[in-house]
Amino acid sequence: MGDMLRSAFIIGMGATMILDATSLLRRMFLSQPLPNYPLVGRWIGHMGRGVFSHTSIKAAAPIPGEVILGWGAHYAIGVMFALGFIASMGEKWTEQPTLIPALIFGAVTVVFPFVLMQPGMGLGIAASLTPDPWAARLKSLISHLLFGVGLFLAAALWARIKGAGAIS
C-alpha cells in the first residue's frame, strides 16, 4: 500500500503539473484565460463556514489564504484522482502505463466539476449558467483529457526512474 500511495502522489503531482503547463501553453498560443484556482479556494473556504453553494463565487466574500487553499486543493485533487485511477487499474499499471485507460479516466473525471464544483460556484450544472456553456464544457473536457495524458506521462517517467534503480 505504501508503494501505491507514493506512486499516486508522484504521478498525481506530475499529471497536475503537466495540466498546468498545458494551461500556460493554451494561454500563450490560444489566448485562453488561466484557471482561477483562488476561486476554488474561496469556494472551499466558505464550506468551512457552512456555505456550500453560491450564486456567484466571484461575488462571494474573499477568504484569507484562498490562493494557497485553491492551489493546494488543485494538487490534492490531482493526487486523489491518481490514487483512484491506480487503485482501479492496479499497481502493475504504474510499471507499464498505457495511454488509453488514462485518457478514459481523465474524461470520466470531468463529471466532478460538472456536477459538484460548477454548480457550487454558481455556474450551473455543466456550466449551464455561463455565457457560452458548450465552450466551457469543451474546455473542461480538454483539461481533464490533458490530465489523463499527464497521468500517462508522469507514470511513464516514474516507471523509468524506478526501473533505473534511482528509487527503491
N, C-alpha and C. Protein backbone atom coordinates (compact mmCIF):
# COMPACT_ATOMS: atom_id res chain seq x y z
N MET A 1 0.83 -1.20 0.00
CA MET A 1 0.00 0.00 0.00
C MET A 1 0.86 1.26 0.00
N GLY A 2 2.00 1.21 0.69
CA GLY A 2 2.90 2.36 0.72
C GLY A 2 3.42 2.71 -0.66
N ASP A 3 3.73 1.69 -1.46
CA ASP A 3 4.19 1.93 -2.83
C ASP A 3 3.10 2.59 -3.67
N MET A 4 1.86 2.14 -3.48
CA MET A 4 0.76 2.72 -4.24
C MET A 4 0.56 4.20 -3.86
N LEU A 5 0.64 4.50 -2.58
CA LEU A 5 0.48 5.89 -2.14
C LEU A 5 1.61 6.77 -2.68
N ARG A 6 2.82 6.26 -2.63
CA ARG A 6 3.95 7.02 -3.15
C ARG A 6 3.81 7.24 -4.65
N SER A 7 3.44 6.18 -5.37
CA SER A 7 3.24 6.31 -6.81
C SER A 7 2.11 7.29 -7.11
N ALA A 8 1.00 7.20 -6.38
CA ALA A 8 -0.13 8.10 -6.61
C ALA A 8 0.28 9.55 -6.35
N PHE A 9 1.06 9.77 -5.31
CA PHE A 9 1.50 11.13 -5.00
C PHE A 9 2.36 11.68 -6.14
N ILE A 10 3.34 10.92 -6.55
CA ILE A 10 4.26 11.37 -7.59
C ILE A 10 3.55 11.52 -8.94
N ILE A 11 2.75 10.53 -9.30
CA ILE A 11 2.05 10.57 -10.59
C ILE A 11 0.99 11.67 -10.57
N GLY A 12 0.25 11.81 -9.47
CA GLY A 12 -0.76 12.86 -9.37
C GLY A 12 -0.18 14.25 -9.42
N MET A 13 0.93 14.44 -8.72
CA MET A 13 1.60 15.75 -8.77
C MET A 13 2.13 16.01 -10.18
N GLY A 14 2.74 15.01 -10.78
CA GLY A 14 3.27 15.16 -12.14
C GLY A 14 2.18 15.45 -13.15
N ALA A 15 1.08 14.71 -13.07
CA ALA A 15 -0.03 14.92 -14.00
C ALA A 15 -0.62 16.32 -13.85
N THR A 16 -0.72 16.78 -12.61
CA THR A 16 -1.26 18.12 -12.37
C THR A 16 -0.29 19.19 -12.88
N MET A 17 0.99 18.96 -12.72
CA MET A 17 1.98 19.90 -13.27
C MET A 17 1.90 19.95 -14.80
N ILE A 18 1.70 18.80 -15.41
CA ILE A 18 1.56 18.75 -16.87
C ILE A 18 0.30 19.50 -17.29
N LEU A 19 -0.79 19.30 -16.57
CA LEU A 19 -2.02 20.05 -16.85
C LEU A 19 -1.75 21.56 -16.75
N ASP A 20 -1.05 21.98 -15.71
CA ASP A 20 -0.76 23.40 -15.53
C ASP A 20 0.14 23.93 -16.65
N ALA A 21 1.09 23.12 -17.08
CA ALA A 21 1.97 23.53 -18.19
C ALA A 21 1.15 23.70 -19.47
N THR A 22 0.20 22.79 -19.70
CA THR A 22 -0.62 22.93 -20.91
C THR A 22 -1.55 24.14 -20.80
N SER A 23 -1.97 24.47 -19.58
CA SER A 23 -2.79 25.68 -19.40
C SER A 23 -1.98 26.92 -19.77
N LEU A 24 -0.71 26.93 -19.38
CA LEU A 24 0.15 28.06 -19.75
C LEU A 24 0.34 28.14 -21.26
N LEU A 25 0.53 26.99 -21.89
CA LEU A 25 0.68 26.96 -23.35
C LEU A 25 -0.60 27.41 -24.05
N ARG A 26 -1.74 26.98 -23.54
CA ARG A 26 -3.02 27.39 -24.12
C ARG A 26 -3.22 28.90 -23.98
N ARG A 27 -2.72 29.45 -22.88
CA ARG A 27 -2.81 30.91 -22.72
C ARG A 27 -1.90 31.61 -23.71
N MET A 28 -0.67 31.12 -23.82
CA MET A 28 0.32 31.77 -24.70
C MET A 28 -0.09 31.70 -26.17
N PHE A 29 -0.56 30.53 -26.61
CA PHE A 29 -0.79 30.32 -28.04
C PHE A 29 -2.25 30.46 -28.48
N LEU A 30 -3.17 30.30 -27.54
CA LEU A 30 -4.59 30.37 -27.89
C LEU A 30 -5.31 31.50 -27.16
N SER A 31 -4.57 32.26 -26.35
CA SER A 31 -5.14 33.38 -25.58
C SER A 31 -6.27 32.95 -24.65
N GLN A 32 -6.23 31.69 -24.18
CA GLN A 32 -7.24 31.23 -23.23
C GLN A 32 -6.86 31.67 -21.83
N PRO A 33 -7.83 32.10 -21.04
CA PRO A 33 -7.51 32.50 -19.66
C PRO A 33 -7.06 31.30 -18.83
N LEU A 34 -6.21 31.57 -17.86
CA LEU A 34 -5.77 30.52 -16.95
C LEU A 34 -6.90 30.16 -15.99
N PRO A 35 -6.92 28.93 -15.51
CA PRO A 35 -7.91 28.58 -14.48
C PRO A 35 -7.71 29.46 -13.25
N ASN A 36 -8.80 29.79 -12.58
CA ASN A 36 -8.74 30.67 -11.42
C ASN A 36 -8.86 29.83 -10.14
N TYR A 37 -7.76 29.20 -9.74
CA TYR A 37 -7.80 28.33 -8.57
C TYR A 37 -8.04 29.07 -7.26
N PRO A 38 -7.69 30.35 -7.14
CA PRO A 38 -8.08 31.06 -5.92
C PRO A 38 -9.61 31.07 -5.71
N LEU A 39 -10.39 31.07 -6.79
CA LEU A 39 -11.85 30.99 -6.61
C LEU A 39 -12.27 29.63 -6.07
N VAL A 40 -11.53 28.59 -6.44
CA VAL A 40 -11.78 27.26 -5.85
C VAL A 40 -11.48 27.33 -4.36
N GLY A 41 -10.39 28.01 -4.00
CA GLY A 41 -10.05 28.19 -2.59
C GLY A 41 -11.14 28.97 -1.86
N ARG A 42 -11.70 29.97 -2.50
CA ARG A 42 -12.79 30.75 -1.90
C ARG A 42 -14.00 29.85 -1.66
N TRP A 43 -14.32 29.02 -2.65
CA TRP A 43 -15.45 28.10 -2.53
C TRP A 43 -15.24 27.13 -1.38
N ILE A 44 -14.06 26.54 -1.32
CA ILE A 44 -13.74 25.59 -0.25
C ILE A 44 -13.72 26.31 1.10
N GLY A 45 -13.15 27.51 1.13
CA GLY A 45 -13.09 28.28 2.37
C GLY A 45 -14.47 28.58 2.93
N HIS A 46 -15.42 28.87 2.06
CA HIS A 46 -16.78 29.14 2.52
C HIS A 46 -17.46 27.88 3.05
N MET A 47 -17.02 26.70 2.61
CA MET A 47 -17.58 25.46 3.12
C MET A 47 -17.34 25.35 4.63
N GLY A 48 -16.17 25.81 5.07
CA GLY A 48 -15.88 25.81 6.50
C GLY A 48 -16.80 26.71 7.30
N ARG A 49 -17.49 27.60 6.61
CA ARG A 49 -18.46 28.50 7.24
C ARG A 49 -19.89 28.02 7.00
N GLY A 50 -20.01 26.81 6.43
CA GLY A 50 -21.33 26.22 6.22
C GLY A 50 -22.01 26.62 4.93
N VAL A 51 -21.30 27.30 4.03
CA VAL A 51 -21.89 27.72 2.76
C VAL A 51 -21.28 26.85 1.65
N PHE A 52 -22.10 26.06 1.00
CA PHE A 52 -21.62 25.10 0.02
C PHE A 52 -21.97 25.49 -1.42
N SER A 53 -22.89 26.43 -1.57
CA SER A 53 -23.33 26.82 -2.90
C SER A 53 -23.45 28.34 -2.96
N HIS A 54 -23.09 28.89 -4.10
CA HIS A 54 -23.09 30.34 -4.29
C HIS A 54 -23.83 30.69 -5.56
N THR A 55 -24.40 31.87 -5.57
CA THR A 55 -24.98 32.40 -6.80
C THR A 55 -23.85 32.76 -7.76
N SER A 56 -22.79 33.34 -7.18
CA SER A 56 -21.59 33.67 -7.96
C SER A 56 -20.40 33.64 -7.00
N ILE A 57 -19.47 32.73 -7.22
CA ILE A 57 -18.30 32.65 -6.34
C ILE A 57 -17.46 33.92 -6.46
N LYS A 58 -17.49 34.58 -7.61
CA LYS A 58 -16.74 35.82 -7.77
C LYS A 58 -17.29 36.92 -6.86
N ALA A 59 -18.59 36.90 -6.59
CA ALA A 59 -19.21 37.91 -5.75
C ALA A 59 -19.13 37.56 -4.26
N ALA A 60 -18.76 36.31 -3.95
CA ALA A 60 -18.65 35.90 -2.54
C ALA A 60 -17.48 36.61 -1.88
N ALA A 61 -17.58 36.80 -0.58
CA ALA A 61 -16.52 37.47 0.16
C ALA A 61 -15.22 36.67 0.05
N PRO A 62 -14.11 37.37 -0.19
CA PRO A 62 -12.81 36.67 -0.23
C PRO A 62 -12.52 35.97 1.10
N ILE A 63 -11.75 34.91 1.01
CA ILE A 63 -11.36 34.10 2.17
C ILE A 63 -9.85 34.28 2.37
N PRO A 64 -9.41 34.57 3.60
CA PRO A 64 -7.96 34.64 3.80
C PRO A 64 -7.28 33.33 3.38
N GLY A 65 -6.23 33.44 2.61
CA GLY A 65 -5.49 32.26 2.17
C GLY A 65 -6.13 31.52 1.01
N GLU A 66 -7.09 32.13 0.32
CA GLU A 66 -7.79 31.42 -0.74
C GLU A 66 -6.87 31.03 -1.90
N VAL A 67 -5.82 31.79 -2.12
CA VAL A 67 -4.89 31.45 -3.20
C VAL A 67 -4.18 30.13 -2.87
N ILE A 68 -3.64 30.04 -1.68
CA ILE A 68 -2.94 28.81 -1.26
C ILE A 68 -3.92 27.66 -1.15
N LEU A 69 -5.09 27.93 -0.60
CA LEU A 69 -6.11 26.88 -0.46
C LEU A 69 -6.53 26.34 -1.83
N GLY A 70 -6.75 27.24 -2.78
CA GLY A 70 -7.18 26.82 -4.12
C GLY A 70 -6.12 26.01 -4.84
N TRP A 71 -4.89 26.51 -4.82
CA TRP A 71 -3.81 25.77 -5.48
C TRP A 71 -3.53 24.46 -4.77
N GLY A 72 -3.57 24.46 -3.45
CA GLY A 72 -3.37 23.22 -2.69
C GLY A 72 -4.44 22.20 -3.01
N ALA A 73 -5.69 22.65 -3.10
CA ALA A 73 -6.79 21.76 -3.44
C ALA A 73 -6.62 21.20 -4.85
N HIS A 74 -6.19 22.04 -5.77
CA HIS A 74 -5.95 21.62 -7.16
C HIS A 74 -4.97 20.44 -7.20
N TYR A 75 -3.86 20.56 -6.48
CA TYR A 75 -2.87 19.48 -6.46
C TYR A 75 -3.34 18.28 -5.65
N ALA A 76 -4.04 18.53 -4.55
CA ALA A 76 -4.57 17.41 -3.74
C ALA A 76 -5.58 16.60 -4.54
N ILE A 77 -6.42 17.28 -5.30
CA ILE A 77 -7.40 16.59 -6.14
C ILE A 77 -6.68 15.76 -7.20
N GLY A 78 -5.62 16.31 -7.78
CA GLY A 78 -4.83 15.56 -8.75
C GLY A 78 -4.26 14.28 -8.15
N VAL A 79 -3.76 14.36 -6.93
CA VAL A 79 -3.22 13.18 -6.25
C VAL A 79 -4.34 12.19 -5.93
N MET A 80 -5.47 12.69 -5.47
CA MET A 80 -6.60 11.79 -5.16
C MET A 80 -7.11 11.10 -6.42
N PHE A 81 -7.21 11.84 -7.52
CA PHE A 81 -7.60 11.21 -8.78
C PHE A 81 -6.59 10.14 -9.19
N ALA A 82 -5.31 10.43 -9.05
CA ALA A 82 -4.28 9.45 -9.40
C ALA A 82 -4.41 8.20 -8.52
N LEU A 83 -4.66 8.41 -7.24
CA LEU A 83 -4.83 7.26 -6.34
C LEU A 83 -6.03 6.42 -6.76
N GLY A 84 -7.14 7.07 -7.08
CA GLY A 84 -8.33 6.33 -7.54
C GLY A 84 -8.06 5.57 -8.83
N PHE A 85 -7.33 6.21 -9.73
CA PHE A 85 -7.02 5.55 -11.00
C PHE A 85 -6.11 4.35 -10.79
N ILE A 86 -5.05 4.53 -10.03
CA ILE A 86 -4.11 3.44 -9.78
C ILE A 86 -4.79 2.30 -9.03
N ALA A 87 -5.64 2.64 -8.07
CA ALA A 87 -6.37 1.60 -7.33
C ALA A 87 -7.29 0.82 -8.27
N SER A 88 -7.90 1.51 -9.23
CA SER A 88 -8.81 0.81 -10.15
C SER A 88 -8.05 -0.01 -11.20
N MET A 89 -6.89 0.47 -11.61
CA MET A 89 -6.10 -0.23 -12.63
C MET A 89 -5.19 -1.30 -12.04
N GLY A 90 -4.79 -1.10 -10.81
CA GLY A 90 -3.81 -1.98 -10.19
C GLY A 90 -2.42 -1.37 -10.29
N GLU A 91 -1.60 -1.66 -9.33
CA GLU A 91 -0.25 -1.07 -9.29
C GLU A 91 0.59 -1.47 -10.50
N LYS A 92 0.26 -2.56 -11.13
CA LYS A 92 1.00 -3.02 -12.31
C LYS A 92 0.99 -1.94 -13.39
N TRP A 93 -0.10 -1.16 -13.48
CA TRP A 93 -0.19 -0.11 -14.49
C TRP A 93 0.93 0.90 -14.31
N THR A 94 1.36 1.15 -13.08
CA THR A 94 2.43 2.14 -12.86
C THR A 94 3.77 1.63 -13.37
N GLU A 95 3.89 0.33 -13.57
CA GLU A 95 5.14 -0.23 -14.09
C GLU A 95 5.16 -0.23 -15.62
N GLN A 96 3.99 -0.37 -16.22
CA GLN A 96 3.86 -0.35 -17.68
C GLN A 96 2.61 0.45 -18.05
N PRO A 97 2.69 1.76 -17.88
CA PRO A 97 1.49 2.58 -18.13
C PRO A 97 1.10 2.59 -19.60
N THR A 98 -0.21 2.71 -19.82
CA THR A 98 -0.76 2.80 -21.17
C THR A 98 -1.64 4.05 -21.24
N LEU A 99 -1.70 4.64 -22.41
CA LEU A 99 -2.36 5.93 -22.57
C LEU A 99 -3.89 5.84 -22.54
N ILE A 100 -4.48 4.89 -23.23
CA ILE A 100 -5.94 4.87 -23.41
C ILE A 100 -6.69 4.82 -22.07
N PRO A 101 -6.34 3.95 -21.14
CA PRO A 101 -7.06 3.96 -19.86
C PRO A 101 -6.92 5.29 -19.13
N ALA A 102 -5.76 5.91 -19.22
CA ALA A 102 -5.56 7.21 -18.56
C ALA A 102 -6.43 8.28 -19.20
N LEU A 103 -6.54 8.26 -20.54
CA LEU A 103 -7.41 9.21 -21.23
C LEU A 103 -8.88 9.01 -20.86
N ILE A 104 -9.30 7.76 -20.81
CA ILE A 104 -10.69 7.46 -20.44
C ILE A 104 -10.95 7.94 -19.02
N PHE A 105 -10.02 7.66 -18.12
CA PHE A 105 -10.19 8.11 -16.73
C PHE A 105 -10.26 9.63 -16.67
N GLY A 106 -9.37 10.30 -17.39
CA GLY A 106 -9.40 11.76 -17.43
C GLY A 106 -10.75 12.28 -17.89
N ALA A 107 -11.29 11.67 -18.95
CA ALA A 107 -12.59 12.09 -19.46
C ALA A 107 -13.69 11.88 -18.43
N VAL A 108 -13.64 10.76 -17.73
CA VAL A 108 -14.67 10.45 -16.73
C VAL A 108 -14.62 11.44 -15.56
N THR A 109 -13.42 11.89 -15.21
CA THR A 109 -13.32 12.80 -14.05
C THR A 109 -13.96 14.15 -14.30
N VAL A 110 -14.31 14.48 -15.54
CA VAL A 110 -14.96 15.76 -15.82
C VAL A 110 -16.33 15.84 -15.15
N VAL A 111 -16.86 14.69 -14.74
CA VAL A 111 -18.15 14.70 -14.05
C VAL A 111 -18.05 15.49 -12.73
N PHE A 112 -16.92 15.50 -12.08
CA PHE A 112 -16.79 16.20 -10.80
C PHE A 112 -16.98 17.71 -10.93
N PRO A 113 -16.30 18.38 -11.85
CA PRO A 113 -16.60 19.81 -11.97
C PRO A 113 -18.01 20.05 -12.51
N PHE A 114 -18.50 19.19 -13.39
CA PHE A 114 -19.82 19.39 -13.97
C PHE A 114 -20.94 19.34 -12.93
N VAL A 115 -20.86 18.38 -12.00
CA VAL A 115 -21.97 18.20 -11.07
C VAL A 115 -21.68 18.66 -9.64
N LEU A 116 -20.44 19.01 -9.35
CA LEU A 116 -20.10 19.42 -7.99
C LEU A 116 -19.56 20.85 -7.95
N MET A 117 -18.44 21.06 -8.58
CA MET A 117 -17.78 22.36 -8.48
C MET A 117 -18.53 23.49 -9.19
N GLN A 118 -18.87 23.28 -10.44
CA GLN A 118 -19.52 24.35 -11.19
C GLN A 118 -20.85 24.75 -10.59
N PRO A 119 -21.72 23.81 -10.23
CA PRO A 119 -22.96 24.24 -9.57
C PRO A 119 -22.70 24.94 -8.23
N GLY A 120 -21.76 24.43 -7.46
CA GLY A 120 -21.46 25.04 -6.17
C GLY A 120 -20.90 26.44 -6.26
N MET A 121 -20.26 26.72 -7.39
CA MET A 121 -19.65 28.04 -7.58
C MET A 121 -20.58 29.00 -8.34
N GLY A 122 -21.80 28.55 -8.62
CA GLY A 122 -22.78 29.41 -9.26
C GLY A 122 -22.77 29.37 -10.78
N LEU A 123 -22.10 28.37 -11.35
CA LEU A 123 -22.00 28.28 -12.81
C LEU A 123 -23.04 27.33 -13.41
N GLY A 124 -23.81 26.67 -12.56
CA GLY A 124 -24.81 25.72 -13.02
C GLY A 124 -24.21 24.35 -13.31
N ILE A 125 -25.10 23.37 -13.47
CA ILE A 125 -24.64 22.03 -13.81
C ILE A 125 -24.01 22.07 -15.19
N ALA A 126 -22.81 21.53 -15.29
CA ALA A 126 -22.06 21.50 -16.55
C ALA A 126 -21.99 22.90 -17.18
N ALA A 127 -21.73 23.89 -16.33
CA ALA A 127 -21.52 25.27 -16.78
C ALA A 127 -22.73 25.85 -17.52
N SER A 128 -23.92 25.36 -17.19
CA SER A 128 -25.13 25.78 -17.91
C SER A 128 -25.46 27.26 -17.74
N LEU A 129 -24.95 27.89 -16.70
CA LEU A 129 -25.26 29.30 -16.46
C LEU A 129 -24.16 30.24 -16.94
N THR A 130 -23.18 29.72 -17.64
CA THR A 130 -22.11 30.57 -18.18
C THR A 130 -22.56 31.18 -19.51
N PRO A 131 -21.90 32.24 -19.96
CA PRO A 131 -22.29 32.86 -21.23
C PRO A 131 -22.22 31.91 -22.43
N ASP A 132 -21.27 30.99 -22.42
CA ASP A 132 -21.13 30.03 -23.52
C ASP A 132 -20.91 28.64 -22.93
N PRO A 133 -22.00 27.98 -22.51
CA PRO A 133 -21.87 26.69 -21.82
C PRO A 133 -21.08 25.64 -22.58
N TRP A 134 -21.29 25.53 -23.90
CA TRP A 134 -20.60 24.48 -24.66
C TRP A 134 -19.10 24.74 -24.74
N ALA A 135 -18.71 26.00 -24.82
CA ALA A 135 -17.28 26.32 -24.82
C ALA A 135 -16.67 25.97 -23.46
N ALA A 136 -17.38 26.27 -22.38
CA ALA A 136 -16.89 25.95 -21.04
C ALA A 136 -16.80 24.44 -20.85
N ARG A 137 -17.79 23.72 -21.34
CA ARG A 137 -17.77 22.26 -21.22
C ARG A 137 -16.61 21.66 -22.00
N LEU A 138 -16.41 22.16 -23.21
CA LEU A 138 -15.31 21.66 -24.02
C LEU A 138 -13.96 21.95 -23.36
N LYS A 139 -13.82 23.14 -22.80
CA LYS A 139 -12.57 23.49 -22.11
C LYS A 139 -12.34 22.57 -20.91
N SER A 140 -13.40 22.27 -20.16
CA SER A 140 -13.27 21.35 -19.02
C SER A 140 -12.88 19.96 -19.49
N LEU A 141 -13.53 19.48 -20.55
CA LEU A 141 -13.21 18.15 -21.07
C LEU A 141 -11.77 18.10 -21.55
N ILE A 142 -11.35 19.10 -22.29
CA ILE A 142 -9.96 19.13 -22.78
C ILE A 142 -8.99 19.11 -21.61
N SER A 143 -9.27 19.90 -20.58
CA SER A 143 -8.39 19.93 -19.41
C SER A 143 -8.31 18.56 -18.75
N HIS A 144 -9.44 17.88 -18.64
CA HIS A 144 -9.43 16.57 -17.99
C HIS A 144 -8.77 15.50 -18.86
N LEU A 145 -8.92 15.64 -20.18
CA LEU A 145 -8.18 14.74 -21.08
C LEU A 145 -6.68 14.99 -20.96
N LEU A 146 -6.29 16.25 -20.86
CA LEU A 146 -4.88 16.58 -20.68
C LEU A 146 -4.35 16.05 -19.35
N PHE A 147 -5.19 16.06 -18.33
CA PHE A 147 -4.80 15.44 -17.06
C PHE A 147 -4.56 13.94 -17.28
N GLY A 148 -5.42 13.30 -18.08
CA GLY A 148 -5.21 11.88 -18.40
C GLY A 148 -3.89 11.65 -19.11
N VAL A 149 -3.56 12.52 -20.07
CA VAL A 149 -2.25 12.45 -20.73
C VAL A 149 -1.16 12.62 -19.69
N GLY A 150 -1.38 13.56 -18.77
CA GLY A 150 -0.40 13.78 -17.70
C GLY A 150 -0.22 12.56 -16.82
N LEU A 151 -1.31 11.86 -16.52
CA LEU A 151 -1.19 10.61 -15.74
C LEU A 151 -0.26 9.63 -16.45
N PHE A 152 -0.50 9.47 -17.75
CA PHE A 152 0.32 8.55 -18.53
C PHE A 152 1.78 8.99 -18.55
N LEU A 153 2.04 10.26 -18.88
CA LEU A 153 3.42 10.73 -18.98
C LEU A 153 4.15 10.68 -17.64
N ALA A 154 3.47 11.09 -16.58
CA ALA A 154 4.10 11.06 -15.25
C ALA A 154 4.37 9.62 -14.82
N ALA A 155 3.44 8.72 -15.13
CA ALA A 155 3.63 7.32 -14.78
C ALA A 155 4.78 6.71 -15.59
N ALA A 156 4.86 7.07 -16.87
CA ALA A 156 5.95 6.55 -17.71
C ALA A 156 7.31 7.02 -17.17
N LEU A 157 7.39 8.27 -16.78
CA LEU A 157 8.63 8.79 -16.20
C LEU A 157 8.93 8.10 -14.87
N TRP A 158 7.92 7.94 -14.04
CA TRP A 158 8.09 7.28 -12.74
C TRP A 158 8.54 5.83 -12.94
N ALA A 159 7.96 5.12 -13.89
CA ALA A 159 8.35 3.73 -14.16
C ALA A 159 9.80 3.67 -14.61
N ARG A 160 10.19 4.64 -15.43
CA ARG A 160 11.57 4.68 -15.91
C ARG A 160 12.55 4.95 -14.76
N ILE A 161 12.20 5.88 -13.88
CA ILE A 161 13.06 6.18 -12.73
C ILE A 161 13.17 4.97 -11.82
N LYS A 162 12.04 4.34 -11.53
CA LYS A 162 12.07 3.14 -10.67
C LYS A 162 12.84 2.01 -11.33
N GLY A 163 12.66 1.85 -12.65
CA GLY A 163 13.35 0.79 -13.39
C GLY A 163 14.85 0.99 -13.46
N ALA A 164 15.25 2.26 -13.42
CA ALA A 164 16.69 2.57 -13.47
C ALA A 164 17.35 2.35 -12.11
N GLY A 165 16.54 2.05 -11.11
CA GLY A 165 17.08 1.83 -9.78
C GLY A 165 17.38 3.12 -9.03
N ALA A 166 16.93 4.25 -9.58
CA ALA A 166 17.17 5.52 -8.90
C ALA A 166 16.34 5.63 -7.63
N ILE A 167 15.18 4.96 -7.61
CA ILE A 167 14.29 4.97 -6.46
C ILE A 167 13.97 3.51 -6.13
N SER A 168 14.03 3.19 -4.86
CA SER A 168 13.66 1.82 -4.48
C SER A 168 12.46 1.80 -3.60
